[in-house]
C-alpha atoms as a PDB file:
ATOM      1  CA  MET A   1     -18.042 -24.458  11.496  1.00  0.00           C
ATOM      2  CA  THR A   2     -15.602 -22.108  13.206  1.00  0.00           C
ATOM      3  CA  ASP A   3     -15.805 -22.192  17.032  1.00  0.00           C
ATOM      4  CA  PHE A   4     -15.522 -18.466  17.648  1.00  0.00           C
ATOM      5  CA  ALA A   5     -16.540 -18.819  21.314  1.00  0.00           C
ATOM      6  CA  THR A   6     -13.434 -20.901  22.025  1.00  0.00           C
ATOM      7  CA  ARG A   7     -11.260 -18.467  20.108  1.00  0.00           C
ATOM      8  CA  ARG A   8     -12.755 -15.620  22.154  1.00  0.00           C
ATOM      9  CA  THR A   9     -11.898 -17.325  25.432  1.00  0.00           C
ATOM     10  CA  MET A  10      -8.385 -18.054  24.148  1.00  0.00           C
ATOM     11  CA  MET A  11      -7.983 -14.387  23.127  1.00  0.00           C
ATOM     12  CA  VAL A  12      -8.802 -13.252  26.679  1.00  0.00           C
ATOM     13  CA  ASP A  13      -6.700 -15.942  28.354  1.00  0.00           C
ATOM     14  CA  THR A  14      -3.581 -15.435  26.143  1.00  0.00           C
ATOM     15  CA  GLN A  15      -3.714 -11.799  25.104  1.00  0.00           C
ATOM     16  CA  VAL A  16      -5.732  -9.867  27.678  1.00  0.00           C
ATOM     17  CA  ARG A  17      -5.226 -11.440  31.098  1.00  0.00           C
ATOM     18  CA  PRO A  18      -1.392 -11.727  30.802  1.00  0.00           C
ATOM     19  CA  SER A  19      -1.183  -8.039  29.896  1.00  0.00           C
ATOM     20  CA  ASP A  20      -2.014  -6.727  33.376  1.00  0.00           C
ATOM     21  CA  VAL A  21      -5.672  -6.188  32.578  1.00  0.00           C
ATOM     22  CA  THR A  22      -7.218  -6.687  35.967  1.00  0.00           C
ATOM     23  CA  LYS A  23     -10.637  -4.974  35.848  1.00  0.00           C
ATOM     24  CA  PHE A  24     -13.265  -7.743  35.839  1.00  0.00           C
ATOM     25  CA  ASN A  25     -15.791  -5.707  33.846  1.00  0.00           C
ATOM     26  CA  VAL A  26     -13.314  -5.298  30.964  1.00  0.00           C
ATOM     27  CA  ILE A  27     -12.478  -9.017  30.932  1.00  0.00           C
ATOM     28  CA  GLU A  28     -16.150  -9.944  31.140  1.00  0.00           C
ATOM     29  CA  ALA A  29     -17.062  -7.559  28.314  1.00  0.00           C
ATOM     30  CA  MET A  30     -14.364  -8.916  26.009  1.00  0.00           C
ATOM     31  CA  LEU A  31     -15.503 -12.499  26.798  1.00  0.00           C
ATOM     32  CA  SER A  32     -19.097 -11.662  25.949  1.00  0.00           C
ATOM     33  CA  ILE A  33     -18.775  -9.608  22.746  1.00  0.00           C
ATOM     34  CA  PRO A  34     -18.595 -11.677  19.503  1.00  0.00           C
ATOM     35  CA  ARG A  35     -15.678  -9.832  17.913  1.00  0.00           C
ATOM     36  CA  GLU A  36     -16.213 -11.710  14.623  1.00  0.00           C
ATOM     37  CA  GLU A  37     -19.539  -9.872  14.198  1.00  0.00           C
ATOM     38  CA  PHE A  38     -17.787  -6.449  14.234  1.00  0.00           C
ATOM     39  CA  VAL A  39     -15.012  -6.939  11.650  1.00  0.00           C
ATOM     40  CA  PRO A  40     -15.182  -6.955   7.833  1.00  0.00           C
ATOM     41  CA  ARG A  41     -16.955 -10.104   6.683  1.00  0.00           C
ATOM     42  CA  ASP A  42     -13.877 -11.327   4.750  1.00  0.00           C
ATOM     43  CA  LYS A  43     -11.740 -11.041   7.929  1.00  0.00           C
ATOM     44  CA  ARG A  44     -13.852 -12.940  10.379  1.00  0.00           C
ATOM     45  CA  GLU A  45     -11.435 -15.883  10.497  1.00  0.00           C
ATOM     46  CA  ALA A  46      -8.745 -13.434  11.679  1.00  0.00           C
ATOM     47  CA  ALA A  47     -11.008 -11.704  14.252  1.00  0.00           C
ATOM     48  CA  TYR A  48      -9.063 -13.004  17.301  1.00  0.00           C
ATOM     49  CA  VAL A  49      -5.516 -12.652  16.005  1.00  0.00           C
ATOM     50  CA  GLY A  50      -3.292 -10.683  18.388  1.00  0.00           C
ATOM     51  CA  GLU A  51      -2.397  -7.795  16.085  1.00  0.00           C
ATOM     52  CA  ASN A  52      -3.952  -4.681  14.695  1.00  0.00           C
ATOM     53  CA  MET A  53      -6.384  -5.442  11.856  1.00  0.00           C
ATOM     54  CA  SER A  54      -6.186  -3.103   8.875  1.00  0.00           C
ATOM     55  CA  ILE A  55      -9.595  -1.964   7.640  1.00  0.00           C
ATOM     56  CA  GLY A  56      -8.374   0.287   4.842  1.00  0.00           C
ATOM     57  CA  ALA A  57      -6.389   3.511   4.407  1.00  0.00           C
ATOM     58  CA  ASP A  58      -5.001   4.523   7.838  1.00  0.00           C
ATOM     59  CA  ARG A  59      -7.670   2.750   9.797  1.00  0.00           C
ATOM     60  CA  THR A  60      -7.357  -0.254  12.080  1.00  0.00           C
ATOM     61  CA  ILE A  61      -9.201  -2.294  14.600  1.00  0.00           C
ATOM     62  CA  LEU A  62      -6.871  -2.205  17.580  1.00  0.00           C
ATOM     63  CA  GLU A  63      -5.413  -5.472  18.700  1.00  0.00           C
ATOM     64  CA  PRO A  64      -7.270  -6.986  21.699  1.00  0.00           C
ATOM     65  CA  ARG A  65      -4.359  -6.428  24.110  1.00  0.00           C
ATOM     66  CA  THR A  66      -4.019  -2.710  23.307  1.00  0.00           C
ATOM     67  CA  PHE A  67      -7.757  -2.007  23.445  1.00  0.00           C
ATOM     68  CA  ALA A  68      -8.263  -3.947  26.663  1.00  0.00           C
ATOM     69  CA  LYS A  69      -5.324  -2.135  28.347  1.00  0.00           C
ATOM     70  CA  MET A  70      -6.760   1.226  27.189  1.00  0.00           C
ATOM     71  CA  LEU A  71     -10.118   0.370  28.773  1.00  0.00           C
ATOM     72  CA  ASP A  72      -8.468  -0.872  31.953  1.00  0.00           C
ATOM     73  CA  ALA A  73      -6.582   2.400  32.274  1.00  0.00           C
ATOM     74  CA  THR A  74      -9.639   4.535  31.436  1.00  0.00           C
ATOM     75  CA  ASP A  75     -11.692   2.779  34.121  1.00  0.00           C
ATOM     76  CA  VAL A  76     -15.152   3.388  32.660  1.00  0.00           C
ATOM     77  CA  GLN A  77     -17.979   3.324  35.165  1.00  0.00           C
ATOM     78  CA  GLN A  78     -21.539   1.971  34.658  1.00  0.00           C
ATOM     79  CA  SER A  79     -23.059   5.440  35.168  1.00  0.00           C
ATOM     80  CA  GLU A  80     -20.898   7.200  32.570  1.00  0.00           C
ATOM     81  CA  MET A  81     -21.356   8.456  29.026  1.00  0.00           C
ATOM     82  CA  VAL A  82     -18.470   7.582  26.693  1.00  0.00           C
ATOM     83  CA  LEU A  83     -17.480   8.839  23.257  1.00  0.00           C
ATOM     84  CA  ILE A  84     -15.504   6.480  20.993  1.00  0.00           C
ATOM     85  CA  ILE A  85     -13.835   8.114  17.959  1.00  0.00           C
ATOM     86  CA  GLY A  86     -13.061   5.960  14.933  1.00  0.00           C
ATOM     87  CA  ALA A  87     -15.721   3.336  15.677  1.00  0.00           C
ATOM     88  CA  GLY A  88     -15.045   1.427  12.439  1.00  0.00           C
ATOM     89  CA  TYR A  89     -17.182  -1.682  12.404  1.00  0.00           C
ATOM     90  CA  GLY A  90     -18.338  -1.161  16.000  1.00  0.00           C
ATOM     91  CA  TYR A  91     -16.332  -3.571  18.100  1.00  0.00           C
ATOM     92  CA  GLY A  92     -14.986  -0.983  20.481  1.00  0.00           C
ATOM     93  CA  ALA A  93     -18.386   0.558  20.913  1.00  0.00           C
ATOM     94  CA  ALA A  94     -19.872  -2.876  21.634  1.00  0.00           C
ATOM     95  CA  VAL A  95     -17.315  -3.560  24.378  1.00  0.00           C
ATOM     96  CA  LEU A  96     -17.847  -0.106  25.864  1.00  0.00           C
ATOM     97  CA  SER A  97     -21.589  -0.639  25.840  1.00  0.00           C
ATOM     98  CA  ARG A  98     -21.033  -3.309  28.523  1.00  0.00           C
ATOM     99  CA  LEU A  99     -19.032  -0.863  30.671  1.00  0.00           C
ATOM    100  CA  ALA A 100     -20.918   2.465  30.322  1.00  0.00           C
ATOM    101  CA  GLU A 101     -24.472   3.752  30.561  1.00  0.00           C
ATOM    102  CA  LEU A 102     -24.372   5.280  27.087  1.00  0.00           C
ATOM    103  CA  VAL A 103     -21.846   5.112  24.219  1.00  0.00           C
ATOM    104  CA  VAL A 104     -21.696   7.621  21.400  1.00  0.00           C
ATOM    105  CA  ALA A 105     -19.733   6.195  18.446  1.00  0.00           C
ATOM    106  CA  VAL A 106     -18.342   8.476  15.741  1.00  0.00           C
ATOM    107  CA  GLU A 107     -17.473   7.100  12.307  1.00  0.00           C
ATOM    108  CA  GLU A 108     -16.986   9.095   9.106  1.00  0.00           C
ATOM    109  CA  ASP A 109     -16.874   6.161   6.616  1.00  0.00           C
ATOM    110  CA  GLU A 110     -20.476   5.549   5.508  1.00  0.00           C
ATOM    111  CA  ALA A 111     -20.008   1.893   4.622  1.00  0.00           C
ATOM    112  CA  MET A 112     -18.390   1.079   7.972  1.00  0.00           C
ATOM    113  CA  LEU A 113     -21.030   3.084   9.786  1.00  0.00           C
ATOM    114  CA  SER A 114     -23.834   1.158   8.074  1.00  0.00           C
ATOM    115  CA  GLU A 115     -22.309  -2.229   8.849  1.00  0.00           C
ATOM    116  CA  ALA A 116     -21.618  -1.266  12.448  1.00  0.00           C
ATOM    117  CA  GLN A 117     -25.194  -0.131  12.979  1.00  0.00           C
ATOM    118  CA  GLU A 118     -26.474  -3.334  11.444  1.00  0.00           C
ATOM    119  CA  ALA A 119     -24.238  -5.545  13.597  1.00  0.00           C
ATOM    120  CA  MET A 120     -25.191  -3.581  16.707  1.00  0.00           C
ATOM    121  CA  SER A 121     -28.897  -4.014  15.968  1.00  0.00           C
ATOM    122  CA  GLU A 122     -28.583  -7.728  15.144  1.00  0.00           C
ATOM    123  CA  ASN A 123     -26.776  -8.355  18.409  1.00  0.00           C
ATOM    124  CA  GLY A 124     -29.276  -6.421  20.568  1.00  0.00           C
ATOM    125  CA  PHE A 125     -27.202  -3.474  21.779  1.00  0.00           C
ATOM    126  CA  ASP A 126     -29.508  -0.605  22.732  1.00  0.00           C
ATOM    127  CA  ASN A 127     -27.229   1.875  24.495  1.00  0.00           C
ATOM    128  CA  VAL A 128     -25.028   2.847  21.518  1.00  0.00           C
ATOM    129  CA  VAL A 129     -25.719   5.939  19.400  1.00  0.00           C
ATOM    130  CA  PHE A 130     -23.888   6.291  16.119  1.00  0.00           C
ATOM    131  CA  GLU A 131     -22.875   9.651  14.637  1.00  0.00           C
ATOM    132  CA  GLY A 132     -21.685   9.983  11.053  1.00  0.00           C
ATOM    133  CA  ASN A 133     -19.280  12.818  11.587  1.00  0.00           C
ATOM    134  CA  ALA A 134     -15.665  13.622  10.679  1.00  0.00           C
ATOM    135  CA  LEU A 135     -13.520  11.953  13.295  1.00  0.00           C
ATOM    136  CA  ASP A 136     -11.790  15.192  14.321  1.00  0.00           C
ATOM    137  CA  GLN A 137     -15.158  16.761  15.074  1.00  0.00           C
ATOM    138  CA  GLY A 138     -16.384  14.203  17.586  1.00  0.00           C
ATOM    139  CA  ALA A 139     -20.030  14.521  18.597  1.00  0.00           C
ATOM    140  CA  ALA A 140     -20.415  17.719  20.525  1.00  0.00           C
ATOM    141  CA  ALA A 141     -24.198  17.614  20.507  1.00  0.00           C
ATOM    142  CA  HIS A 142     -24.239  14.713  23.002  1.00  0.00           C
ATOM    143  CA  GLY A 143     -21.312  15.949  25.127  1.00  0.00           C
ATOM    144  CA  PRO A 144     -19.520  16.666  27.258  1.00  0.00           C
ATOM    145  CA  TYR A 145     -18.374  13.124  28.018  1.00  0.00           C
ATOM    146  CA  ASP A 146     -17.103  11.421  31.132  1.00  0.00           C
ATOM    147  CA  ALA A 147     -14.547   9.575  28.994  1.00  0.00           C
ATOM    148  CA  ILE A 148     -13.368   9.609  25.373  1.00  0.00           C
ATOM    149  CA  VAL A 149     -11.560   6.725  23.721  1.00  0.00           C
ATOM    150  CA  ILE A 150      -9.816   7.239  20.391  1.00  0.00           C
ATOM    151  CA  GLU A 151      -9.529   4.036  18.379  1.00  0.00           C
ATOM    152  CA  GLY A 152      -6.363   4.826  16.411  1.00  0.00           C
ATOM    153  CA  ALA A 153      -3.206   6.813  16.900  1.00  0.00           C
ATOM    154  CA  VAL A 154      -2.862  10.605  17.124  1.00  0.00           C
ATOM    155  CA  GLU A 155      -0.046  13.078  16.765  1.00  0.00           C
ATOM    156  CA  GLU A 156      -2.147  15.789  18.362  1.00  0.00           C
ATOM    157  CA  ILE A 157      -5.784  15.982  19.465  1.00  0.00           C
ATOM    158  CA  PRO A 158      -7.855  18.876  18.093  1.00  0.00           C
ATOM    159  CA  GLU A 159      -9.339  21.364  20.568  1.00  0.00           C
ATOM    160  CA  ALA A 160     -12.765  20.439  19.280  1.00  0.00           C
ATOM    161  CA  ILE A 161     -12.317  16.982  20.827  1.00  0.00           C
ATOM    162  CA  LEU A 162     -10.673  18.126  24.059  1.00  0.00           C
ATOM    163  CA  ASP A 163     -13.557  20.569  24.597  1.00  0.00           C
ATOM    164  CA  GLN A 164     -15.894  17.542  24.684  1.00  0.00           C
ATOM    165  CA  VAL A 165     -14.214  16.076  27.768  1.00  0.00           C
ATOM    166  CA  LYS A 166     -16.225  16.864  30.907  1.00  0.00           C
ATOM    167  CA  GLU A 167     -14.432  18.628  33.747  1.00  0.00           C
ATOM    168  CA  GLY A 168     -13.005  15.788  35.843  1.00  0.00           C
ATOM    169  CA  GLY A 169     -13.273  13.455  32.830  1.00  0.00           C
ATOM    170  CA  ARG A 170     -10.554  11.758  30.820  1.00  0.00           C
ATOM    171  CA  ILE A 171      -9.444  10.876  27.316  1.00  0.00           C
ATOM    172  CA  CYS A 172      -7.380   7.868  26.224  1.00  0.00           C
ATOM    173  CA  ALA A 173      -5.356   7.702  22.980  1.00  0.00           C
ATOM    174  CA  VAL A 174      -2.305   6.160  21.341  1.00  0.00           C
ATOM    175  CA  PHE A 175       0.193   8.897  20.659  1.00  0.00           C
ATOM    176  CA  ALA A 176       2.437   8.210  17.666  1.00  0.00           C
ATOM    177  CA  GLU A 177       6.097   8.896  18.292  1.00  0.00           C
ATOM    178  CA  GLY A 178       8.151   7.982  15.270  1.00  0.00           C
ATOM    179  CA  SER A 179       7.914   4.211  14.725  1.00  0.00           C
ATOM    180  CA  LEU A 180       6.748   3.724  18.330  1.00  0.00           C
ATOM    181  CA  GLY A 181       3.734   4.897  20.243  1.00  0.00           C
ATOM    182  CA  THR A 182       2.557   5.407  23.778  1.00  0.00           C
ATOM    183  CA  VAL A 183      -0.881   5.251  25.263  1.00  0.00           C
ATOM    184  CA  ARG A 184      -1.684   8.194  27.534  1.00  0.00           C
ATOM    185  CA  ILE A 185      -4.638   9.159  29.691  1.00  0.00           C
ATOM    186  CA  GLY A 186      -5.504  12.876  29.878  1.00  0.00           C
ATOM    187  CA  TYR A 187      -7.486  14.113  32.814  1.00  0.00           C
ATOM    188  CA  LYS A 188      -9.304  17.491  32.589  1.00  0.00           C
ATOM    189  CA  LEU A 189      -8.704  19.495  35.716  1.00  0.00           C
ATOM    190  CA  GLY A 190      -9.428  23.187  35.901  1.00  0.00           C
ATOM    191  CA  GLY A 191     -10.101  23.194  32.166  1.00  0.00           C
ATOM    192  CA  GLU A 192      -6.583  21.888  31.413  1.00  0.00           C
ATOM    193  CA  MET A 193      -5.527  18.448  30.235  1.00  0.00           C
ATOM    194  CA  ASN A 194      -3.046  16.618  32.472  1.00  0.00           C
ATOM    195  CA  TRP A 195      -1.467  13.656  30.670  1.00  0.00           C
ATOM    196  CA  GLN A 196      -0.146  10.488  32.186  1.00  0.00           C
ATOM    197  CA  TYR A 197       1.760   7.658  30.502  1.00  0.00           C
ATOM    198  CA  ALA A 198      -0.046   4.292  30.517  1.00  0.00           C
ATOM    199  CA  PHE A 199       1.828   1.829  28.298  1.00  0.00           C
ATOM    200  CA  ASN A 200       3.494   1.366  24.853  1.00  0.00           C
ATOM    201  CA  ALA A 201       1.403   0.524  21.765  1.00  0.00           C
ATOM    202  CA  GLY A 202       1.217   1.359  18.056  1.00  0.00           C
ATOM    203  CA  ALA A 203      -1.459   2.152  15.474  1.00  0.00           C
ATOM    204  CA  PRO A 204      -1.852   4.201  12.282  1.00  0.00           C
ATOM    205  CA  VAL A 205      -2.450   7.917  12.789  1.00  0.00           C
ATOM    206  CA  LEU A 206      -6.069   8.887  12.108  1.00  0.00           C
ATOM    207  CA  THR A 207      -6.889  11.497   9.489  1.00  0.00           C
ATOM    208  CA  GLY A 208      -7.478  14.805  11.286  1.00  0.00           C
ATOM    209  CA  PHE A 209      -5.194  13.911  14.120  1.00  0.00           C
ATOM    210  CA  LYS A 210      -1.864  14.563  12.408  1.00  0.00           C
ATOM    211  CA  ARG A 211       0.302  17.344  13.757  1.00  0.00           C
ATOM    212  CA  THR A 212      -0.236  20.688  12.095  1.00  0.00           C
ATOM    213  CA  MET A 213       3.022  21.854  10.556  1.00  0.00           C
ATOM    214  CA  ALA A 214       3.938  25.413  11.356  1.00  0.00           C
ATOM    215  CA  PHE A 215       5.539  27.353   8.526  1.00  0.00           C
ATOM    216  CA  SER A 216       7.677  30.416   8.979  1.00  0.00           C
ATOM    217  CA  LEU A 217       9.128  32.863   6.483  1.00  0.00           C
END
């Protein structure tokens, strides 16, 4: 029988802690969430590998290092409401549920959504709400949010998503730049987004978050 608990501890000790992730609540959350429960069933043996896990098309479960560093930079507080876009099988939402008061998780793939809800229920998470919406629409009905985390890369973020960030809130995403990518945190101040570089990382660009090409005659 696979000892996932030992693998989970090793993941945190070898991938998360050495990557300048210092917030105890992030480390504690990643130590406590059974990642193998929130990946495709045929990929459980690879749940703790230190690389992005493809889950079909242009979708991925972000590698533990990248996701942990995103959460460290976003600095989610226990009193906050957080939106996660591209929830997939629910791992990111599960980790965030340990950090926030309420998590709203958006997923457009019905099969992933169903499995994520089942895993969340089986593992006793009661502060995560799932929304079966197009990723680029978010979940405006529950917003605005203190923080938004996008689990995948973007070329640009639709206004519909930026509008769901609360004044004084922030949004964290991987911005694709050629073959590379950078994680940035955007803070909404005076209705405008102010972006700050966090670190380098890569992921596939999510549908609906590709740059709109402008055509001219």
